[in-house]
Amino acid sequence: MARNKKPKGLGDTVENIFDATGIATVAKAVLGEKCGCEERKEALNKLWTYKQVSCINENDLIWLQEFLPTKPNQLTIKMQEQLKAIYERIFNTPYRGSTCGSCWRDMINEIEKVYTTQIS
């Protein structure tokens, strides 16, 4: 992987470190080209994927402009569904948190960080 590309996950980060320190060269010299590095990289990327953040689309932006200033203590089912859909679009990953109050708060805070960055 070229070092100027943003890592997708932990596997890419480990690969970058091994390339920079020369460990990859030593591993290939000792173990050969089929050292298993690529498989380990892909497995680590799958287990620990970094969030790939996308821009908020116009409809979500409008909805968030109304929702975020109020941040109600009670979320309706419709609000929960909308927040979950927005989160999944922004972070390109299924939401895996629970439905407890602190998880919703954390999700809203993550969405708000992206929202604040995008509108500034």
PDB file of N, CA and C in Angstrom:
ATOM      1  N   MET A   1       0.849  -1.187   0.000  1.00  0.00           N
ATOM      2  CA  MET A   1       0.000   0.000   0.000  1.00  0.00           C
ATOM      3  C   MET A   1       0.884   1.236   0.000  1.00  0.00           C
ATOM      4  N   ALA A   2       0.529   2.194  -0.802  1.00  0.00           N
ATOM      5  CA  ALA A   2       1.264   3.453  -0.827  1.00  0.00           C
ATOM      6  C   ALA A   2       1.003   4.223   0.456  1.00  0.00           C
ATOM      7  N   ARG A   3       2.055   4.799   1.011  1.00  0.00           N
ATOM      8  CA  ARG A   3       1.913   5.484   2.289  1.00  0.00           C
ATOM      9  C   ARG A   3       1.084   6.748   2.217  1.00  0.00           C
ATOM     10  N   ASN A   4       0.836   7.277   1.027  1.00  0.00           N
ATOM     11  CA  ASN A   4       0.061   8.502   0.946  1.00  0.00           C
ATOM     12  C   ASN A   4      -1.438   8.238   0.971  1.00  0.00           C
ATOM     13  N   LYS A   5      -1.865   6.974   0.973  1.00  0.00           N
ATOM     14  CA  LYS A   5      -3.285   6.651   1.063  1.00  0.00           C
ATOM     15  C   LYS A   5      -3.690   6.552   2.533  1.00  0.00           C
ATOM     16  N   LYS A   6      -4.910   6.981   2.806  1.00  0.00           N
ATOM     17  CA  LYS A   6      -5.432   6.918   4.161  1.00  0.00           C
ATOM     18  C   LYS A   6      -5.751   5.460   4.504  1.00  0.00           C
ATOM     19  N   PRO A   7      -5.277   4.968   5.648  1.00  0.00           N
ATOM     20  CA  PRO A   7      -5.547   3.573   6.012  1.00  0.00           C
ATOM     21  C   PRO A   7      -7.034   3.313   6.226  1.00  0.00           C
ATOM     22  N   LYS A   8      -7.496   2.157   5.740  1.00  0.00           N
ATOM     23  CA  LYS A   8      -8.894   1.759   5.931  1.00  0.00           C
ATOM     24  C   LYS A   8      -9.108   1.169   7.320  1.00  0.00           C
ATOM     25  N   GLY A   9      -8.046   0.600   7.878  1.00  0.00           N
ATOM     26  CA  GLY A   9      -8.180  -0.043   9.174  1.00  0.00           C
ATOM     27  C   GLY A   9      -6.823  -0.343   9.777  1.00  0.00           C
ATOM     28  N   LEU A  10      -6.839  -1.134  10.857  1.00  0.00           N
ATOM     29  CA  LEU A  10      -5.621  -1.448  11.592  1.00  0.00           C
ATOM     30  C   LEU A  10      -4.603  -2.185  10.723  1.00  0.00           C
ATOM     31  N   GLY A  11      -5.064  -3.050   9.838  1.00  0.00           N
ATOM     32  CA  GLY A  11      -4.149  -3.790   8.976  1.00  0.00           C
ATOM     33  C   GLY A  11      -3.306  -2.872   8.112  1.00  0.00           C
ATOM     34  N   ASP A  12      -3.928  -1.834   7.560  1.00  0.00           N
ATOM     35  CA  ASP A  12      -3.183  -0.871   6.745  1.00  0.00           C
ATOM     36  C   ASP A  12      -2.169  -0.105   7.592  1.00  0.00           C
ATOM     37  N   THR A  13      -2.541   0.237   8.817  1.00  0.00           N
ATOM     38  CA  THR A  13      -1.629   0.951   9.704  1.00  0.00           C
ATOM     39  C   THR A  13      -0.421   0.089  10.055  1.00  0.00           C
ATOM     40  N   VAL A  14      -0.671  -1.179  10.376  1.00  0.00           N
ATOM     41  CA  VAL A  14       0.431  -2.101  10.693  1.00  0.00           C
ATOM     42  C   VAL A  14       1.334  -2.251   9.468  1.00  0.00           C
ATOM     43  N   GLU A  15       0.734  -2.386   8.282  1.00  0.00           N
ATOM     44  CA  GLU A  15       1.522  -2.499   7.056  1.00  0.00           C
ATOM     45  C   GLU A  15       2.407  -1.272   6.860  1.00  0.00           C
ATOM     46  N   ASN A  16       1.853  -0.087   7.071  1.00  0.00           N
ATOM     47  CA  ASN A  16       2.638   1.147   6.929  1.00  0.00           C
ATOM     48  C   ASN A  16       3.818   1.178   7.897  1.00  0.00           C
ATOM     49  N   ILE A  17       3.580   0.756   9.134  1.00  0.00           N
ATOM     50  CA  ILE A  17       4.655   0.731  10.143  1.00  0.00           C
ATOM     51  C   ILE A  17       5.727  -0.280   9.752  1.00  0.00           C
ATOM     52  N   PHE A  18       5.291  -1.472   9.329  1.00  0.00           N
ATOM     53  CA  PHE A  18       6.250  -2.504   8.925  1.00  0.00           C
ATOM     54  C   PHE A  18       7.058  -2.073   7.703  1.00  0.00           C
ATOM     55  N   ASP A  19       6.409  -1.384   6.756  1.00  0.00           N
ATOM     56  CA  ASP A  19       7.139  -0.874   5.587  1.00  0.00           C
ATOM     57  C   ASP A  19       8.148   0.184   6.002  1.00  0.00           C
ATOM     58  N   ALA A  20       7.735   1.112   6.854  1.00  0.00           N
ATOM     59  CA  ALA A  20       8.597   2.223   7.264  1.00  0.00           C
ATOM     60  C   ALA A  20       9.799   1.760   8.085  1.00  0.00           C
ATOM     61  N   THR A  21       9.617   0.710   8.874  1.00  0.00           N
ATOM     62  CA  THR A  21      10.696   0.243   9.745  1.00  0.00           C
ATOM     63  C   THR A  21      11.558  -0.843   9.109  1.00  0.00           C
ATOM     64  N   GLY A  22      11.133  -1.349   7.950  1.00  0.00           N
ATOM     65  CA  GLY A  22      11.899  -2.405   7.287  1.00  0.00           C
ATOM     66  C   GLY A  22      11.509  -3.801   7.713  1.00  0.00           C
ATOM     67  N   ILE A  23      10.576  -3.927   8.632  1.00  0.00           N
ATOM     68  CA  ILE A  23      10.151  -5.254   9.098  1.00  0.00           C
ATOM     69  C   ILE A  23       9.546  -6.049   7.944  1.00  0.00           C
ATOM     70  N   ALA A  24       8.804  -5.395   7.050  1.00  0.00           N
ATOM     71  CA  ALA A  24       8.181  -6.093   5.920  1.00  0.00           C
ATOM     72  C   ALA A  24       9.243  -6.720   5.021  1.00  0.00           C
ATOM     73  N   THR A  25      10.309  -6.003   4.776  1.00  0.00           N
ATOM     74  CA  THR A  25      11.392  -6.510   3.926  1.00  0.00           C
ATOM     75  C   THR A  25      12.039  -7.732   4.557  1.00  0.00           C
ATOM     76  N   VAL A  26      12.276  -7.663   5.858  1.00  0.00           N
ATOM     77  CA  VAL A  26      12.874  -8.798   6.572  1.00  0.00           C
ATOM     78  C   VAL A  26      11.925 -10.000   6.551  1.00  0.00           C
ATOM     79  N   ALA A  27      10.642  -9.760   6.804  1.00  0.00           N
ATOM     80  CA  ALA A  27       9.663 -10.856   6.813  1.00  0.00           C
ATOM     81  C   ALA A  27       9.616 -11.552   5.462  1.00  0.00           C
ATOM     82  N   LYS A  28       9.616 -10.779   4.390  1.00  0.00           N
ATOM     83  CA  LYS A  28       9.566 -11.380   3.051  1.00  0.00           C
ATOM     84  C   LYS A  28      10.862 -12.112   2.723  1.00  0.00           C
ATOM     85  N   ALA A  29      11.993 -11.605   3.218  1.00  0.00           N
ATOM     86  CA  ALA A  29      13.277 -12.264   2.984  1.00  0.00           C
ATOM     87  C   ALA A  29      13.331 -13.605   3.718  1.00  0.00           C
ATOM     88  N   VAL A  30      12.788 -13.640   4.926  1.00  0.00           N
ATOM     89  CA  VAL A  30      12.833 -14.864   5.738  1.00  0.00           C
ATOM     90  C   VAL A  30      11.722 -15.829   5.345  1.00  0.00           C
ATOM     91  N   LEU A  31      10.506 -15.311   5.177  1.00  0.00           N
ATOM     92  CA  LEU A  31       9.341 -16.170   4.950  1.00  0.00           C
ATOM     93  C   LEU A  31       8.962 -16.322   3.481  1.00  0.00           C
ATOM     94  N   GLY A  32       9.504 -15.480   2.626  1.00  0.00           N
ATOM     95  CA  GLY A  32       9.162 -15.520   1.208  1.00  0.00           C
ATOM     96  C   GLY A  32       7.983 -14.612   0.901  1.00  0.00           C
ATOM     97  N   GLU A  33       7.649 -14.535  -0.377  1.00  0.00           N
ATOM     98  CA  GLU A  33       6.559 -13.659  -0.811  1.00  0.00           C
ATOM     99  C   GLU A  33       5.206 -14.092  -0.255  1.00  0.00           C
ATOM    100  N   LYS A  34       5.030 -15.363   0.008  1.00  0.00           N
ATOM    101  CA  LYS A  34       3.762 -15.881   0.550  1.00  0.00           C
ATOM    102  C   LYS A  34       3.842 -15.946   2.079  1.00  0.00           C
ATOM    103  N   CYS A  35       4.167 -14.833   2.703  1.00  0.00           N
ATOM    104  CA  CYS A  35       4.378 -14.795   4.152  1.00  0.00           C
ATOM    105  C   CYS A  35       3.077 -14.676   4.942  1.00  0.00           C
ATOM    106  N   GLY A  36       1.966 -14.424   4.249  1.00  0.00           N
ATOM    107  CA  GLY A  36       0.682 -14.279   4.937  1.00  0.00           C
ATOM    108  C   GLY A  36       0.380 -12.853   5.370  1.00  0.00           C
ATOM    109  N   CYS A  37       1.247 -11.918   5.004  1.00  0.00           N
ATOM    110  CA  CYS A  37       1.056 -10.518   5.413  1.00  0.00           C
ATOM    111  C   CYS A  37      -0.251  -9.935   4.869  1.00  0.00           C
ATOM    112  N   GLU A  38      -0.529 -10.201   3.596  1.00  0.00           N
ATOM    113  CA  GLU A  38      -1.731  -9.637   2.970  1.00  0.00           C
ATOM    114  C   GLU A  38      -2.996 -10.162   3.648  1.00  0.00           C
ATOM    115  N   GLU A  39      -3.022 -11.448   3.973  1.00  0.00           N
ATOM    116  CA  GLU A  39      -4.186 -12.041   4.641  1.00  0.00           C
ATOM    117  C   GLU A  39      -4.376 -11.457   6.042  1.00  0.00           C
ATOM    118  N   ARG A  40      -3.269 -11.295   6.768  1.00  0.00           N
ATOM    119  CA  ARG A  40      -3.353 -10.694   8.111  1.00  0.00           C
ATOM    120  C   ARG A  40      -3.828  -9.249   8.013  1.00  0.00           C
ATOM    121  N   LYS A  41      -3.315  -8.518   7.033  1.00  0.00           N
ATOM    122  CA  LYS A  41      -3.732  -7.123   6.851  1.00  0.00           C
ATOM    123  C   LYS A  41      -5.236  -7.047   6.619  1.00  0.00           C
ATOM    124  N   GLU A  42      -5.748  -7.872   5.717  1.00  0.00           N
ATOM    125  CA  GLU A  42      -7.184  -7.857   5.418  1.00  0.00           C
ATOM    126  C   GLU A  42      -8.012  -8.266   6.635  1.00  0.00           C
ATOM    127  N   ALA A  43      -7.546  -9.259   7.386  1.00  0.00           N
ATOM    128  CA  ALA A  43      -8.270  -9.689   8.587  1.00  0.00           C
ATOM    129  C   ALA A  43      -8.313  -8.575   9.627  1.00  0.00           C
ATOM    130  N   LEU A  44      -7.180  -7.903   9.832  1.00  0.00           N
ATOM    131  CA  LEU A  44      -7.146  -6.791  10.793  1.00  0.00           C
ATOM    132  C   LEU A  44      -8.007  -5.622  10.318  1.00  0.00           C
ATOM    133  N   ASN A  45      -7.983  -5.341   9.021  1.00  0.00           N
ATOM    134  CA  ASN A  45      -8.835  -4.265   8.486  1.00  0.00           C
ATOM    135  C   ASN A  45     -10.303  -4.583   8.702  1.00  0.00           C
ATOM    136  N   LYS A  46     -10.669  -5.846   8.542  1.00  0.00           N
ATOM    137  CA  LYS A  46     -12.070  -6.245   8.723  1.00  0.00           C
ATOM    138  C   LYS A  46     -12.481  -6.145  10.198  1.00  0.00           C
ATOM    139  N   LEU A  47     -11.591  -6.543  11.095  1.00  0.00           N
ATOM    140  CA  LEU A  47     -11.900  -6.496  12.534  1.00  0.00           C
ATOM    141  C   LEU A  47     -11.920  -5.069  13.075  1.00  0.00           C
ATOM    142  N   TRP A  48     -10.971  -4.242  12.646  1.00  0.00           N
ATOM    143  CA  TRP A  48     -10.859  -2.864  13.143  1.00  0.00           C
ATOM    144  C   TRP A  48     -10.811  -1.895  11.971  1.00  0.00           C
ATOM    145  N   THR A  49     -11.974  -1.602  11.439  1.00  0.00           N
ATOM    146  CA  THR A  49     -12.096  -0.666  10.328  1.00  0.00           C
ATOM    147  C   THR A  49     -12.228   0.744  10.873  1.00  0.00           C
ATOM    148  N   TYR A  50     -11.473   1.666  10.283  1.00  0.00           N
ATOM    149  CA  TYR A  50     -11.590   3.064  10.664  1.00  0.00           C
ATOM    150  C   TYR A  50     -12.827   3.651  10.008  1.00  0.00           C
ATOM    151  N   LYS A  51     -13.431   4.578  10.673  1.00  0.00           N
ATOM    152  CA  LYS A  51     -14.620   5.226  10.122  1.00  0.00           C
ATOM    153  C   LYS A  51     -14.236   6.050   8.904  1.00  0.00           C
ATOM    154  N   GLN A  52     -14.939   5.794   7.831  1.00  0.00           N
ATOM    155  CA  GLN A  52     -14.773   6.575   6.605  1.00  0.00           C
ATOM    156  C   GLN A  52     -15.949   7.548   6.571  1.00  0.00           C
ATOM    157  N   VAL A  53     -15.687   8.798   6.806  1.00  0.00           N
ATOM    158  CA  VAL A  53     -16.749   9.780   6.959  1.00  0.00           C
ATOM    159  C   VAL A  53     -17.134  10.371   5.604  1.00  0.00           C
ATOM    160  N   SER A  54     -18.441  10.391   5.340  1.00  0.00           N
ATOM    161  CA  SER A  54     -18.988  11.013   4.137  1.00  0.00           C
ATOM    162  C   SER A  54     -19.676  12.322   4.517  1.00  0.00           C
ATOM    163  N   CYS A  55     -19.863  13.163   3.536  1.00  0.00           N
ATOM    164  CA  CYS A  55     -20.588  14.415   3.761  1.00  0.00           C
ATOM    165  C   CYS A  55     -22.061  14.118   4.043  1.00  0.00           C
ATOM    166  N   ILE A  56     -22.679  14.993   4.794  1.00  0.00           N
ATOM    167  CA  ILE A  56     -24.103  14.872   5.086  1.00  0.00           C
ATOM    168  C   ILE A  56     -24.872  15.357   3.874  1.00  0.00           C
ATOM    169  N   ASN A  57     -25.864  14.568   3.427  1.00  0.00           N
ATOM    170  CA  ASN A  57     -26.634  14.997   2.256  1.00  0.00           C
ATOM    171  C   ASN A  57     -27.600  16.120   2.650  1.00  0.00           C
ATOM    172  N   GLU A  58     -28.177  16.757   1.643  1.00  0.00           N
ATOM    173  CA  GLU A  58     -28.996  17.953   1.873  1.00  0.00           C
ATOM    174  C   GLU A  58     -30.214  17.677   2.754  1.00  0.00           C
ATOM    175  N   ASN A  59     -30.922  16.576   2.515  1.00  0.00           N
ATOM    176  CA  ASN A  59     -32.108  16.252   3.327  1.00  0.00           C
ATOM    177  C   ASN A  59     -31.742  16.029   4.792  1.00  0.00           C
ATOM    178  N   ASP A  60     -30.646  15.303   5.016  1.00  0.00           N
ATOM    179  CA  ASP A  60     -30.197  15.054   6.389  1.00  0.00           C
ATOM    180  C   ASP A  60     -29.749  16.353   7.050  1.00  0.00           C
ATOM    181  N   LEU A  61     -29.098  17.205   6.283  1.00  0.00           N
ATOM    182  CA  LEU A  61     -28.640  18.485   6.800  1.00  0.00           C
ATOM    183  C   LEU A  61     -29.821  19.326   7.278  1.00  0.00           C
ATOM    184  N   ILE A  62     -30.882  19.366   6.492  1.00  0.00           N
ATOM    185  CA  ILE A  62     -32.091  20.115   6.863  1.00  0.00           C
ATOM    186  C   ILE A  62     -32.706  19.525   8.136  1.00  0.00           C
ATOM    187  N   TRP A  63     -32.793  18.199   8.189  1.00  0.00           N
ATOM    188  CA  TRP A  63     -33.376  17.543   9.363  1.00  0.00           C
ATOM    189  C   TRP A  63     -32.538  17.844  10.609  1.00  0.00           C
ATOM    190  N   LEU A  64     -31.218  17.757  10.475  1.00  0.00           N
ATOM    191  CA  LEU A  64     -30.324  18.008  11.608  1.00  0.00           C
ATOM    192  C   LEU A  64     -30.368  19.461  12.061  1.00  0.00           C
ATOM    193  N   GLN A  65     -30.570  20.396  11.136  1.00  0.00           N
ATOM    194  CA  GLN A  65     -30.671  21.815  11.503  1.00  0.00           C
ATOM    195  C   GLN A  65     -31.842  22.054  12.448  1.00  0.00           C
ATOM    196  N   GLU A  66     -32.877  21.259  12.298  1.00  0.00           N
ATOM    197  CA  GLU A  66     -34.032  21.378  13.200  1.00  0.00           C
ATOM    198  C   GLU A  66     -33.844  20.568  14.475  1.00  0.00           C
ATOM    199  N   PHE A  67     -33.230  19.409  14.353  1.00  0.00           N
ATOM    200  CA  PHE A  67     -33.107  18.495  15.491  1.00  0.00           C
ATOM    201  C   PHE A  67     -32.031  18.918  16.488  1.00  0.00           C
ATOM    202  N   LEU A  68     -30.828  19.218  16.002  1.00  0.00           N
ATOM    203  CA  LEU A  68     -29.680  19.428  16.895  1.00  0.00           C
ATOM    204  C   LEU A  68     -29.843  20.561  17.904  1.00  0.00           C
ATOM    205  N   PRO A  69     -30.443  21.694  17.553  1.00  0.00           N
ATOM    206  CA  PRO A  69     -30.596  22.740  18.574  1.00  0.00           C
ATOM    207  C   PRO A  69     -31.475  22.303  19.753  1.00  0.00           C
ATOM    208  N   THR A  70     -32.402  21.378  19.515  1.00  0.00           N
ATOM    209  CA  THR A  70     -33.318  20.971  20.588  1.00  0.00           C
ATOM    210  C   THR A  70     -32.794  19.793  21.399  1.00  0.00           C
ATOM    211  N   LYS A  71     -32.138  18.840  20.751  1.00  0.00           N
ATOM    212  CA  LYS A  71     -31.640  17.614  21.396  1.00  0.00           C
ATOM    213  C   LYS A  71     -32.592  17.147  22.508  1.00  0.00           C
ATOM    214  N   PRO A  72     -33.742  16.644  22.136  1.00  0.00           N
ATOM    215  CA  PRO A  72     -34.730  16.248  23.151  1.00  0.00           C
ATOM    216  C   PRO A  72     -34.234  15.098  24.033  1.00  0.00           C
ATOM    217  N   ASN A  73     -34.726  15.075  25.286  1.00  0.00           N
ATOM    218  CA  ASN A  73     -34.368  13.992  26.208  1.00  0.00           C
ATOM    219  C   ASN A  73     -35.026  12.677  25.810  1.00  0.00           C
ATOM    220  N   GLN A  74     -36.183  12.766  25.198  1.00  0.00           N
ATOM    221  CA  GLN A  74     -36.910  11.579  24.741  1.00  0.00           C
ATOM    222  C   GLN A  74     -36.892  11.563  23.218  1.00  0.00           C
ATOM    223  N   LEU A  75     -36.443  10.456  22.643  1.00  0.00           N
ATOM    224  CA  LEU A  75     -36.426  10.313  21.194  1.00  0.00           C
ATOM    225  C   LEU A  75     -37.596   9.439  20.763  1.00  0.00           C
ATOM    226  N   THR A  76     -38.355   9.927  19.799  1.00  0.00           N
ATOM    227  CA  THR A  76     -39.429   9.107  19.258  1.00  0.00           C
ATOM    228  C   THR A  76     -38.801   8.013  18.386  1.00  0.00           C
ATOM    229  N   ILE A  77     -39.594   7.013  18.070  1.00  0.00           N
ATOM    230  CA  ILE A  77     -39.114   5.943  17.195  1.00  0.00           C
ATOM    231  C   ILE A  77     -38.687   6.533  15.851  1.00  0.00           C
ATOM    232  N   LYS A  78     -39.461   7.477  15.342  1.00  0.00           N
ATOM    233  CA  LYS A  78     -39.132   8.122  14.064  1.00  0.00           C
ATOM    234  C   LYS A  78     -37.792   8.852  14.148  1.00  0.00           C
ATOM    235  N   MET A  79     -37.541   9.544  15.259  1.00  0.00           N
ATOM    236  CA  MET A  79     -36.257  10.226  15.453  1.00  0.00           C
ATOM    237  C   MET A  79     -35.111   9.213  15.496  1.00  0.00           C
ATOM    238  N   GLN A  80     -35.327   8.120  16.226  1.00  0.00           N
ATOM    239  CA  GLN A  80     -34.302   7.083  16.328  1.00  0.00           C
ATOM    240  C   GLN A  80     -33.973   6.504  14.953  1.00  0.00           C
ATOM    241  N   GLU A  81     -35.008   6.228  14.176  1.00  0.00           N
ATOM    242  CA  GLU A  81     -34.797   5.678  12.832  1.00  0.00           C
ATOM    243  C   GLU A  81     -34.029   6.664  11.958  1.00  0.00           C
ATOM    244  N   GLN A  82     -34.399   7.947  12.044  1.00  0.00           N
ATOM    245  CA  GLN A  82     -33.729   8.968  11.242  1.00  0.00           C
ATOM    246  C   GLN A  82     -32.266   9.118  11.658  1.00  0.00           C
ATOM    247  N   LEU A  83     -32.008   9.161  12.959  1.00  0.00           N
ATOM    248  CA  LEU A  83     -30.637   9.294  13.444  1.00  0.00           C
ATOM    249  C   LEU A  83     -29.782   8.095  13.020  1.00  0.00           C
ATOM    250  N   LYS A  84     -30.343   6.908  13.149  1.00  0.00           N
ATOM    251  CA  LYS A  84     -29.619   5.697  12.758  1.00  0.00           C
ATOM    252  C   LYS A  84     -29.300   5.729  11.263  1.00  0.00           C
ATOM    253  N   ALA A  85     -30.256   6.125  10.442  1.00  0.00           N
ATOM    254  CA  ALA A  85     -30.038   6.192   8.990  1.00  0.00           C
ATOM    255  C   ALA A  85     -28.968   7.225   8.645  1.00  0.00           C
ATOM    256  N   ILE A  86     -29.020   8.379   9.299  1.00  0.00           N
ATOM    257  CA  ILE A  86     -28.021   9.424   9.057  1.00  0.00           C
ATOM    258  C   ILE A  86     -26.634   8.926   9.460  1.00  0.00           C
ATOM    259  N   TYR A  87     -26.540   8.324  10.643  1.00  0.00           N
ATOM    260  CA  TYR A  87     -25.263   7.793  11.130  1.00  0.00           C
ATOM    261  C   TYR A  87     -24.679   6.802  10.123  1.00  0.00           C
ATOM    262  N   GLU A  88     -25.515   5.881   9.655  1.00  0.00           N
ATOM    263  CA  GLU A  88     -25.041   4.846   8.732  1.00  0.00           C
ATOM    264  C   GLU A  88     -24.595   5.443   7.398  1.00  0.00           C
ATOM    265  N   ARG A  89     -25.266   6.490   6.931  1.00  0.00           N
ATOM    266  CA  ARG A  89     -24.850   7.146   5.684  1.00  0.00           C
ATOM    267  C   ARG A  89     -23.541   7.903   5.870  1.00  0.00           C
ATOM    268  N   ILE A  90     -23.429   8.627   6.988  1.00  0.00           N
ATOM    269  CA  ILE A  90     -22.238   9.438   7.223  1.00  0.00           C
ATOM    270  C   ILE A  90     -21.000   8.559   7.414  1.00  0.00           C
ATOM    271  N   PHE A  91     -21.127   7.519   8.239  1.00  0.00           N
ATOM    272  CA  PHE A  91     -19.973   6.706   8.606  1.00  0.00           C
ATOM    273  C   PHE A  91     -19.829   5.431   7.774  1.00  0.00           C
ATOM    274  N   ASN A  92     -20.727   5.235   6.802  1.00  0.00           N
ATOM    275  CA  ASN A  92     -20.632   4.109   5.875  1.00  0.00           C
ATOM    276  C   ASN A  92     -20.496   2.760   6.585  1.00  0.00           C
ATOM    277  N   THR A  93     -21.235   2.623   7.651  1.00  0.00           N
ATOM    278  CA  THR A  93     -21.187   1.388   8.423  1.00  0.00           C
ATOM    279  C   THR A  93     -22.496   1.207   9.181  1.00  0.00           C
ATOM    280  N   PRO A  94     -22.909  -0.029   9.412  1.00  0.00           N
ATOM    281  CA  PRO A  94     -24.116  -0.234  10.212  1.00  0.00           C
ATOM    282  C   PRO A  94     -23.898   0.241  11.655  1.00  0.00           C
ATOM    283  N   TYR A  95     -24.934   0.793  12.251  1.00  0.00           N
ATOM    284  CA  TYR A  95     -24.847   1.219  13.650  1.00  0.00           C
ATOM    285  C   TYR A  95     -24.894  -0.031  14.526  1.00  0.00           C
ATOM    286  N   ARG A  96     -23.899  -0.199  15.374  1.00  0.00           N
ATOM    287  CA  ARG A  96     -23.814  -1.396  16.209  1.00  0.00           C
ATOM    288  C   ARG A  96     -24.005  -1.102  17.693  1.00  0.00           C
ATOM    289  N   GLY A  97     -24.355   0.134  18.024  1.00  0.00           N
ATOM    290  CA  GLY A  97     -24.570   0.485  19.424  1.00  0.00           C
ATOM    291  C   GLY A  97     -25.911  -0.019  19.908  1.00  0.00           C
ATOM    292  N   SER A  98     -26.118   0.077  21.188  1.00  0.00           N
ATOM    293  CA  SER A  98     -27.404  -0.348  21.745  1.00  0.00           C
ATOM    294  C   SER A  98     -28.390   0.812  21.674  1.00  0.00           C
ATOM    295  N   THR A  99     -29.534   0.612  22.253  1.00  0.00           N
ATOM    296  CA  THR A  99     -30.559   1.666  22.236  1.00  0.00           C
ATOM    297  C   THR A  99     -30.678   2.359  23.590  1.00  0.00           C
ATOM    298  N   CYS A 100     -29.636   2.277  24.404  1.00  0.00           N
ATOM    299  CA  CYS A 100     -29.678   2.967  25.694  1.00  0.00           C
ATOM    300  C   CYS A 100     -29.472   4.465  25.492  1.00  0.00           C
ATOM    301  N   GLY A 101     -29.853   5.239  26.460  1.00  0.00           N
ATOM    302  CA  GLY A 101     -29.772   6.686  26.362  1.00  0.00           C
ATOM    303  C   GLY A 101     -28.370   7.196  26.097  1.00  0.00           C
ATOM    304  N   SER A 102     -27.382   6.626  26.766  1.00  0.00           N
ATOM    305  CA  SER A 102     -26.013   7.116  26.570  1.00  0.00           C
ATOM    306  C   SER A 102     -25.492   6.762  25.173  1.00  0.00           C
ATOM    307  N   CYS A 103     -25.939   5.645  24.608  1.00  0.00           N
ATOM    308  CA  CYS A 103     -25.530   5.282  23.244  1.00  0.00           C
ATOM    309  C   CYS A 103     -26.120   6.256  22.233  1.00  0.00           C
ATOM    310  N   TRP A 104     -27.393   6.625  22.428  1.00  0.00           N
ATOM    311  CA  TRP A 104     -28.006   7.620  21.543  1.00  0.00           C
ATOM    312  C   TRP A 104     -27.282   8.954  21.669  1.00  0.00           C
ATOM    313  N   ARG A 105     -26.946   9.339  22.896  1.00  0.00           N
ATOM    314  CA  ARG A 105     -26.224  10.596  23.118  1.00  0.00           C
ATOM    315  C   ARG A 105     -24.885  10.575  22.391  1.00  0.00           C
ATOM    316  N   ASP A 106     -24.156   9.456  22.509  1.00  0.00           N
ATOM    317  CA  ASP A 106     -22.860   9.343  21.839  1.00  0.00           C
ATOM    318  C   ASP A 106     -23.009   9.410  20.326  1.00  0.00           C
ATOM    319  N   MET A 107     -24.045   8.738  19.805  1.00  0.00           N
ATOM    320  CA  MET A 107     -24.284   8.767  18.364  1.00  0.00           C
ATOM    321  C   MET A 107     -24.570  10.191  17.894  1.00  0.00           C
ATOM    322  N   ILE A 108     -25.445  10.871  18.618  1.00  0.00           N
ATOM    323  CA  ILE A 108     -25.801  12.256  18.265  1.00  0.00           C
ATOM    324  C   ILE A 108     -24.556  13.139  18.305  1.00  0.00           C
ATOM    325  N   ASN A 109     -23.698  12.947  19.302  1.00  0.00           N
ATOM    326  CA  ASN A 109     -22.469  13.742  19.399  1.00  0.00           C
ATOM    327  C   ASN A 109     -21.541  13.499  18.214  1.00  0.00           C
ATOM    328  N   GLU A 110     -21.440  12.240  17.775  1.00  0.00           N
ATOM    329  CA  GLU A 110     -20.600  11.927  16.611  1.00  0.00           C
ATOM    330  C   GLU A 110     -21.162  12.579  15.349  1.00  0.00           C
ATOM    331  N   ILE A 111     -22.477  12.488  15.182  1.00  0.00           N
ATOM    332  CA  ILE A 111     -23.123  13.120  14.028  1.00  0.00           C
ATOM    333  C   ILE A 111     -22.918  14.625  14.086  1.00  0.00           C
ATOM    334  N   GLU A 112     -23.065  15.196  15.266  1.00  0.00           N
ATOM    335  CA  GLU A 112     -22.930  16.652  15.416  1.00  0.00           C
ATOM    336  C   GLU A 112     -21.522  17.128  15.064  1.00  0.00           C
ATOM    337  N   LYS A 113     -20.492  16.341  15.388  1.00  0.00           N
ATOM    338  CA  LYS A 113     -19.125  16.717  15.026  1.00  0.00           C
ATOM    339  C   LYS A 113     -18.990  16.856  13.517  1.00  0.00           C
ATOM    340  N   VAL A 114     -19.539  15.892  12.777  1.00  0.00           N
ATOM    341  CA  VAL A 114     -19.472  15.942  11.323  1.00  0.00           C
ATOM    342  C   VAL A 114     -20.301  17.115  10.806  1.00  0.00           C
ATOM    343  N   TYR A 115     -21.480  17.293  11.377  1.00  0.00           N
ATOM    344  CA  TYR A 115     -22.387  18.391  10.995  1.00  0.00           C
ATOM    345  C   TYR A 115     -21.688  19.736  11.189  1.00  0.00           C
ATOM    346  N   THR A 116     -21.078  19.941  12.346  1.00  0.00           N
ATOM    347  CA  THR A 116     -20.413  21.199  12.678  1.00  0.00           C
ATOM    348  C   THR A 116     -19.252  21.452  11.713  1.00  0.00           C
ATOM    349  N   THR A 117     -18.507  20.409  11.409  1.00  0.00           N
ATOM    350  CA  THR A 117     -17.387  20.533  10.465  1.00  0.00           C
ATOM    351  C   THR A 117     -17.899  20.909   9.083  1.00  0.00           C
ATOM    352  N   GLN A 118     -19.000  20.293   8.682  1.00  0.00           N
ATOM    353  CA  GLN A 118     -19.509  20.519   7.332  1.00  0.00           C
ATOM    354  C   GLN A 118     -20.107  21.908   7.151  1.00  0.00           C
ATOM    355  N   ILE A 119     -20.772  22.429   8.189  1.00  0.00           N
ATOM    356  CA  ILE A 119     -21.422  23.739   8.013  1.00  0.00           C
ATOM    357  C   ILE A 119     -20.469  24.900   8.243  1.00  0.00           C
ATOM    358  N   SER A 120     -19.269  24.630   8.802  1.00  0.00           N
ATOM    359  CA  SER A 120     -18.339  25.746   9.038  1.00  0.00           C
ATOM    360  C   SER A 120     -17.598  26.125   7.791  1.00  0.00           C
TER     361      SER A 120
END
